[in-house]
N, C-alpha and C. Protein backbone atom coordinates (compact mmCIF):
# COMPACT_ATOMS: atom_id res chain seq x y z
N UNK A 1 10.91 13.23 -8.69
CA UNK A 1 10.18 13.63 -10.33
C UNK A 1 9.55 11.76 -10.14
N UNK A 2 8.03 12.14 -10.52
CA UNK A 2 7.31 10.93 -10.61
C UNK A 2 7.58 10.37 -11.86
N UNK A 3 7.96 9.33 -12.31
CA UNK A 3 7.60 8.39 -13.33
C UNK A 3 6.77 7.19 -13.60
N UNK A 4 6.60 7.13 -14.92
CA UNK A 4 5.51 6.14 -15.56
C UNK A 4 5.91 5.03 -14.52
N UNK A 5 4.93 3.73 -14.15
CA UNK A 5 5.06 2.83 -13.79
C UNK A 5 5.67 2.52 -12.46
N UNK A 6 5.95 3.73 -11.41
CA UNK A 6 6.43 3.86 -10.08
C UNK A 6 4.72 3.64 -9.42
N UNK A 7 5.01 3.17 -7.90
CA UNK A 7 3.83 2.38 -7.00
C UNK A 7 4.64 3.38 -6.14
N UNK A 8 3.97 4.29 -5.09
CA UNK A 8 3.78 5.71 -4.09
C UNK A 8 2.34 4.94 -3.01
N UNK A 9 3.43 5.36 -1.40
CA UNK A 9 2.55 4.63 -0.43
C UNK A 9 2.27 6.03 0.52
N UNK A 10 0.95 6.23 1.26
CA UNK A 10 1.01 7.56 2.02
C UNK A 10 1.70 6.58 3.12
N UNK A 11 2.36 7.37 3.94
CA UNK A 11 2.87 6.55 5.43
C UNK A 11 2.10 6.97 6.18
N UNK A 12 1.08 8.00 6.16
CA UNK A 12 -0.10 8.03 7.45
C UNK A 12 -1.36 7.09 7.41
N UNK A 13 -1.85 7.22 5.97
CA UNK A 13 -3.11 6.64 5.72
C UNK A 13 -3.08 4.94 5.13
N UNK A 14 -1.86 4.99 4.15
CA UNK A 14 -1.57 3.81 3.57
C UNK A 14 -2.54 3.49 2.13
N UNK A 15 -2.90 4.62 1.67
CA UNK A 15 -3.20 4.63 0.39
C UNK A 15 -1.75 4.20 -0.47
N UNK A 16 -2.16 3.44 -1.56
CA UNK A 16 -0.91 3.25 -2.39
C UNK A 16 -1.54 3.43 -4.01
N UNK A 17 -0.51 4.37 -4.87
CA UNK A 17 -1.20 4.26 -6.24
C UNK A 17 -0.02 4.05 -7.21
N UNK A 18 -0.43 3.82 -8.17
CA UNK A 18 0.32 3.33 -9.36
C UNK A 18 0.60 4.22 -10.37
N UNK A 19 1.43 5.06 -10.73
CA UNK A 19 1.70 6.14 -11.74
C UNK A 19 1.25 5.36 -13.47
N UNK A 20 0.46 5.72 -13.64
CA UNK A 20 -0.31 5.73 -15.21
C UNK A 20 0.31 6.75 -16.49
N UNK A 21 0.37 8.23 -16.09
CA UNK A 21 1.41 8.77 -16.74
C UNK A 21 1.81 9.96 -15.64
N UNK A 22 3.04 10.06 -15.74
CA UNK A 22 3.89 10.97 -15.25
C UNK A 22 3.42 12.42 -15.79
N UNK A 23 3.06 13.60 -15.19
CA UNK A 23 2.63 14.60 -15.60
C UNK A 23 3.94 15.71 -14.91
N UNK A 24 4.53 15.11 -14.13
CA UNK A 24 5.83 16.08 -13.49
C UNK A 24 5.47 16.28 -11.74
N UNK A 25 6.02 17.10 -10.93
CA UNK A 25 5.57 17.28 -9.60
C UNK A 25 5.54 16.71 -8.67
N UNK A 26 5.16 16.36 -7.78
CA UNK A 26 5.24 15.69 -6.62
C UNK A 26 4.05 15.18 -6.38
N UNK A 27 3.83 13.70 -5.21
CA UNK A 27 2.79 13.30 -4.62
C UNK A 27 2.45 13.48 -3.34
N UNK A 28 1.16 14.10 -3.19
CA UNK A 28 0.93 14.16 -1.60
C UNK A 28 -0.32 13.52 -0.98
N UNK A 29 -0.66 12.74 0.25
CA UNK A 29 -1.46 12.24 0.79
C UNK A 29 -1.47 12.90 2.40
N UNK A 30 -2.78 12.99 2.64
CA UNK A 30 -2.96 13.13 3.94
C UNK A 30 -1.76 14.50 4.58
N UNK A 31 -2.01 15.53 3.51
CA UNK A 31 -0.76 16.55 3.82
C UNK A 31 1.17 16.33 4.09
N UNK A 32 0.98 14.89 3.61
CA UNK A 32 2.20 15.07 3.62
C UNK A 32 2.93 14.12 1.73
N UNK A 33 4.48 14.02 1.50
CA UNK A 33 4.72 13.60 0.57
C UNK A 33 4.59 12.18 0.61
N UNK A 34 4.13 11.87 -0.38
CA UNK A 34 4.05 10.12 -0.81
C UNK A 34 5.24 9.16 -1.06
N UNK A 35 5.55 8.22 -0.35
CA UNK A 35 6.84 7.52 -0.26
C UNK A 35 6.97 6.71 -1.67
N UNK A 36 7.92 6.89 -2.72
CA UNK A 36 8.15 5.97 -3.42
C UNK A 36 8.61 4.15 -2.66
N UNK A 37 7.62 3.56 -3.33
CA UNK A 37 8.40 1.56 -3.17
C UNK A 37 9.24 1.30 -3.44
N UNK A 38 10.18 1.26 -3.14
CA UNK A 38 11.62 0.62 -3.83
C UNK A 38 11.46 -1.00 -4.13
N UNK A 39 12.13 -1.48 -5.30
CA UNK A 39 12.05 -2.86 -5.69
C UNK A 39 12.80 -3.82 -4.71
N UNK A 40 12.45 -4.28 -4.51
CA UNK A 40 13.24 -5.99 -3.27
C UNK A 40 13.37 -6.59 -4.34
N UNK A 41 14.13 -7.61 -4.48
CA UNK A 41 14.68 -8.81 -4.63
C UNK A 41 15.32 -9.76 -4.17
N UNK A 42 15.46 -10.93 -4.52
CA UNK A 42 16.13 -11.93 -3.98
C UNK A 42 17.17 -11.64 -3.18
N UNK A 43 18.06 -10.43 -3.23
CA UNK A 43 18.73 -10.07 -1.94
C UNK A 43 18.75 -9.93 -1.02
N UNK A 44 17.24 -9.25 -0.67
CA UNK A 44 16.88 -9.04 0.21
C UNK A 44 16.30 -10.14 1.23
N UNK A 45 15.47 -11.06 0.79
CA UNK A 45 15.05 -12.48 1.05
C UNK A 45 15.33 -14.10 0.67
N UNK A 46 15.92 -14.12 -0.20
CA UNK A 46 16.17 -15.26 -1.17
C UNK A 46 14.68 -15.48 -1.67
N UNK A 47 14.48 -16.62 -2.01
CA UNK A 47 13.32 -17.01 -3.04
C UNK A 47 11.69 -16.97 -2.15
N UNK A 48 12.22 -17.51 -1.21
CA UNK A 48 11.05 -18.51 -0.22
C UNK A 48 9.87 -17.43 -0.40
N UNK A 49 9.05 -16.35 0.17
CA UNK A 49 7.90 -15.97 -0.20
C UNK A 49 7.63 -14.94 -0.91
N UNK A 50 8.26 -13.73 -0.94
CA UNK A 50 8.22 -12.66 -1.90
C UNK A 50 8.56 -12.54 -3.54
N UNK A 51 9.90 -13.20 -3.74
CA UNK A 51 9.88 -12.90 -4.79
C UNK A 51 9.64 -13.92 -6.41
N UNK A 52 8.83 -12.94 -7.11
CA UNK A 52 7.86 -13.92 -8.35
C UNK A 52 8.90 -14.40 -9.08
N UNK A 53 8.11 -16.25 -8.94
CA UNK A 53 8.63 -16.82 -9.83
C UNK A 53 7.92 -16.79 -11.31
N UNK A 54 8.70 -16.22 -12.45
CA UNK A 54 8.11 -16.86 -13.83
C UNK A 54 8.63 -17.51 -14.76
N UNK A 55 6.90 -18.67 -15.13
CA UNK A 55 7.22 -19.47 -15.87
C UNK A 55 6.43 -19.54 -17.54
N UNK A 56 7.39 -19.32 -18.22
CA UNK A 56 6.83 -18.95 -19.59
C UNK A 56 6.76 -20.14 -20.48
N UNK A 57 5.67 -20.57 -21.22
CA UNK A 57 5.68 -21.81 -22.28
C UNK A 57 4.57 -20.87 -23.55
N UNK A 58 5.30 -20.74 -24.33
CA UNK A 58 5.25 -20.55 -25.78
C UNK A 58 4.79 -18.77 -25.48
N UNK A 59 3.67 -18.42 -25.43
CA UNK A 59 2.98 -16.79 -25.40
C UNK A 59 2.45 -16.63 -24.06
N UNK A 60 2.37 -17.63 -23.14
CA UNK A 60 2.04 -17.69 -21.96
C UNK A 60 2.66 -17.38 -20.96
N UNK A 61 2.42 -16.58 -20.33
CA UNK A 61 3.32 -16.09 -18.67
C UNK A 61 2.80 -16.54 -17.47
N UNK A 62 3.21 -16.99 -16.59
CA UNK A 62 2.35 -17.53 -15.31
C UNK A 62 3.39 -16.84 -14.40
N UNK A 63 2.98 -16.25 -13.53
CA UNK A 63 3.92 -15.72 -12.03
C UNK A 63 2.98 -16.27 -10.99
N UNK A 64 4.17 -16.69 -10.37
CA UNK A 64 4.02 -17.06 -8.72
C UNK A 64 4.25 -16.29 -7.79
N UNK A 65 3.88 -16.12 -6.51
CA UNK A 65 4.72 -15.32 -5.85
C UNK A 65 5.17 -16.12 -4.99
N UNK A 66 6.74 -16.32 -5.11
CA UNK A 66 7.29 -17.32 -3.91
C UNK A 66 7.68 -18.68 -4.43
N UNK A 67 8.52 -19.19 -3.96
CA UNK A 67 8.56 -20.38 -3.84
C UNK A 67 7.56 -21.37 -3.25
N UNK A 68 7.99 -20.78 -2.28
CA UNK A 68 6.57 -21.07 -1.53
C UNK A 68 5.52 -20.28 -1.06
N UNK A 69 4.49 -21.18 -1.40
CA UNK A 69 3.05 -19.81 -1.48
C UNK A 69 3.50 -18.81 -0.33
N UNK A 70 2.91 -17.41 -0.84
CA UNK A 70 2.45 -16.61 0.16
C UNK A 70 1.41 -16.69 0.36
N UNK A 71 1.06 -16.25 2.02
CA UNK A 71 -0.41 -16.43 2.34
C UNK A 71 -1.32 -15.29 1.76
N UNK A 72 -2.21 -15.54 1.87
CA UNK A 72 -3.74 -14.55 1.28
C UNK A 72 -4.66 -14.66 2.09
N UNK A 73 -4.22 -13.93 3.60
CA UNK A 73 -5.05 -13.60 4.65
C UNK A 73 -5.74 -12.30 4.51
N UNK A 74 -6.60 -11.81 5.09
CA UNK A 74 -7.17 -10.57 4.83
C UNK A 74 -6.09 -9.87 5.79
N UNK A 75 -5.27 -10.18 6.82
CA UNK A 75 -4.16 -9.44 7.13
C UNK A 75 -2.80 -9.11 6.61
N UNK A 76 -2.63 -10.38 5.59
CA UNK A 76 -1.11 -10.25 4.86
C UNK A 76 -1.37 -11.18 3.72
N UNK A 77 -1.24 -10.08 2.25
CA UNK A 77 -1.53 -10.52 1.39
C UNK A 77 -1.16 -10.07 -0.10
N UNK A 78 -1.33 -10.39 -0.96
CA UNK A 78 -0.22 -9.96 -2.18
C UNK A 78 -1.38 -9.42 -2.91
N UNK A 79 -1.56 -7.88 -3.28
CA UNK A 79 -2.87 -7.38 -4.03
C UNK A 79 -2.17 -7.24 -5.32
N UNK A 80 -1.18 -7.41 -5.71
CA UNK A 80 -0.90 -6.88 -7.16
C UNK A 80 0.17 -7.71 -7.68
N UNK A 81 0.22 -7.92 -9.04
CA UNK A 81 1.05 -8.57 -9.21
C UNK A 81 1.20 -7.88 -11.19
N UNK A 82 2.51 -7.93 -11.68
CA UNK A 82 2.51 -6.61 -12.82
C UNK A 82 3.68 -7.89 -13.68
N UNK A 83 4.04 -7.41 -14.83
CA UNK A 83 4.45 -7.94 -15.45
C UNK A 83 5.00 -6.69 -16.20
N UNK A 84 6.44 -6.98 -17.05
CA UNK A 84 7.22 -6.07 -17.33
C UNK A 84 8.17 -6.35 -18.63
N UNK A 85 8.43 -5.28 -19.81
CA UNK A 85 9.59 -5.76 -20.38
C UNK A 85 10.03 -4.38 -20.39
N UNK A 86 11.35 -4.44 -20.60
CA UNK A 86 12.61 -3.25 -20.37
C UNK A 86 11.66 -1.98 -19.68
N UNK A 87 11.22 -2.63 -18.19
CA UNK A 87 10.97 -2.13 -17.29
C UNK A 87 9.96 -0.89 -17.37
N UNK A 88 8.83 -1.27 -18.58
CA UNK A 88 7.75 -0.65 -18.75
C UNK A 88 6.36 -1.79 -18.61
N UNK A 89 5.70 -1.51 -17.34
CA UNK A 89 4.37 -2.59 -16.98
C UNK A 89 3.55 -3.05 -18.30
N UNK A 90 3.38 -4.22 -18.92
CA UNK A 90 2.78 -4.36 -19.69
C UNK A 90 1.50 -5.16 -19.70
N UNK A 91 0.82 -5.86 -18.69
CA UNK A 91 0.42 -6.41 -18.12
C UNK A 91 0.18 -6.38 -16.63
N UNK A 92 -1.52 -6.56 -15.73
CA UNK A 92 -1.30 -6.04 -14.05
C UNK A 92 -2.38 -7.03 -14.08
N UNK A 93 -2.71 -7.65 -12.56
CA UNK A 93 -3.69 -8.52 -12.45
C UNK A 93 -3.62 -8.10 -10.66
N UNK A 94 -5.02 -7.67 -10.55
CA UNK A 94 -5.30 -7.55 -8.61
C UNK A 94 -5.63 -8.34 -8.07
N UNK A 95 -5.05 -8.71 -7.08
CA UNK A 95 -5.43 -10.19 -6.01
C UNK A 95 -6.34 -9.59 -4.99
N UNK A 96 -6.86 -10.53 -4.38
CA UNK A 96 -7.43 -10.22 -2.96
C UNK A 96 -7.55 -11.27 -1.73
N UNK A 97 -7.89 -11.12 -0.65
CA UNK A 97 -7.51 -12.26 0.35
C UNK A 97 -8.27 -13.24 -0.19
N UNK A 98 -7.67 -14.46 0.22
CA UNK A 98 -8.23 -16.17 -0.29
C UNK A 98 -8.29 -16.30 -1.46
N UNK A 99 -7.36 -15.56 -2.78
CA UNK A 99 -7.16 -16.04 -3.92
C UNK A 99 -5.76 -16.79 -3.59
N UNK A 100 -5.23 -17.75 -5.05
CA UNK A 100 -4.39 -17.80 -4.89
C UNK A 100 -3.41 -16.51 -5.39
N UNK A 101 -1.73 -17.14 -4.71
CA UNK A 101 -0.82 -15.26 -5.57
C UNK A 101 -0.43 -15.81 -6.74
N UNK A 102 -0.84 -15.86 -7.43
CA UNK A 102 -0.50 -16.23 -8.85
C UNK A 102 -1.39 -15.23 -9.88
N UNK A 103 -0.74 -15.16 -11.34
CA UNK A 103 -1.34 -14.62 -12.35
C UNK A 103 -0.67 -15.32 -13.29
N UNK A 104 -2.10 -14.80 -14.36
CA UNK A 104 -1.25 -15.68 -16.32
C UNK A 104 -1.91 -14.72 -17.16
N UNK A 105 -0.71 -14.59 -17.83
CA UNK A 105 -0.81 -13.56 -19.11
C UNK A 105 -0.77 -14.41 -19.94
N UNK A 106 -1.26 -13.83 -21.62
CA UNK A 106 -1.10 -14.27 -22.83
C UNK A 106 -0.46 -12.75 -23.55
N UNK A 107 0.86 -13.17 -23.74
CA UNK A 107 1.33 -11.95 -24.51
C UNK A 107 2.43 -12.11 -25.84
N UNK A 108 2.40 -11.29 -26.91
CA UNK A 108 3.01 -11.86 -28.00
C UNK A 108 4.57 -12.41 -28.09
N UNK A 109 5.32 -11.63 -27.27
CA UNK A 109 6.79 -11.61 -27.20
C UNK A 109 7.24 -11.30 -25.58
N UNK A 110 7.32 -12.76 -25.25
CA UNK A 110 8.04 -12.75 -24.06
C UNK A 110 9.44 -12.25 -24.04
N UNK A 111 9.98 -12.58 -24.49
CA UNK A 111 11.34 -12.33 -24.37
C UNK A 111 11.33 -10.59 -23.03
N UNK A 112 12.32 -10.92 -22.60
CA UNK A 112 13.09 -9.98 -21.16
C UNK A 112 12.14 -9.48 -20.75
N UNK A 113 10.96 -11.21 -20.47
CA UNK A 113 9.97 -10.45 -19.13
C UNK A 113 10.39 -11.01 -17.58
N UNK A 114 9.64 -9.40 -17.08
CA UNK A 114 10.30 -9.46 -15.77
C UNK A 114 8.78 -9.35 -14.90
N UNK A 115 8.70 -9.65 -13.77
CA UNK A 115 7.61 -9.83 -12.64
C UNK A 115 7.74 -8.86 -11.28
N UNK A 116 6.37 -8.34 -10.98
CA UNK A 116 6.92 -7.79 -10.21
C UNK A 116 5.42 -8.08 -9.17
N UNK A 117 5.33 -7.75 -7.86
CA UNK A 117 4.42 -8.09 -6.98
C UNK A 117 4.25 -6.67 -5.53
N UNK A 118 3.06 -6.59 -5.05
CA UNK A 118 2.85 -5.66 -4.19
C UNK A 118 2.38 -6.73 -2.83
N UNK A 119 3.30 -6.61 -2.05
CA UNK A 119 2.90 -7.46 -0.69
C UNK A 119 2.28 -6.18 -0.02
N UNK A 120 0.75 -6.36 0.64
CA UNK A 120 0.44 -5.31 1.45
C UNK A 120 1.30 -4.98 2.99
N UNK A 121 2.16 -5.99 3.27
CA UNK A 121 2.82 -5.87 4.50
C UNK A 121 4.65 -5.24 3.95
N UNK A 122 5.25 -6.57 3.39
CA UNK A 122 6.23 -6.37 2.84
C UNK A 122 7.04 -5.27 2.01
N UNK A 123 5.83 -4.78 0.94
CA UNK A 123 6.25 -3.70 -0.11
C UNK A 123 6.02 -4.76 -1.28
N UNK A 124 7.38 -4.09 -2.32
CA UNK A 124 7.22 -4.27 -4.02
C UNK A 124 8.68 -5.32 -3.79
N UNK A 125 7.94 -6.64 -4.72
CA UNK A 125 9.33 -7.24 -4.61
C UNK A 125 9.34 -7.71 -6.33
N UNK A 126 10.31 -7.89 -6.56
CA UNK A 126 10.77 -8.10 -8.41
C UNK A 126 11.48 -9.09 -8.87
N UNK A 127 10.90 -9.91 -9.61
CA UNK A 127 11.78 -11.64 -10.24
C UNK A 127 13.30 -11.04 -10.49
């Protein structure tokens, strides 16, 4: 069953969707069921290139992708950074090749903030 804030990818054409509102059912594209992107963490890689690094100063939240800056090339880039509280996305920024792999958000309550990012090649990563 589809849930709010999940991200799915078509295994044939590469379309990626994020669920804004879950109404039930299954998702399909190109005639087949879409794949739920599972969140990966530092246990899969370490902190080097994909794990979001969250910096909080007052009500400002800055998210950088990786201890070593992730590439932002046409063929390999971060397309999305999201921040969440209690598993619910509360902020999102789209990124494009050539930009820095980081985002800044201003929120009232920074308690229990996590971040996740989507690499076009290596998938979904969480802080």
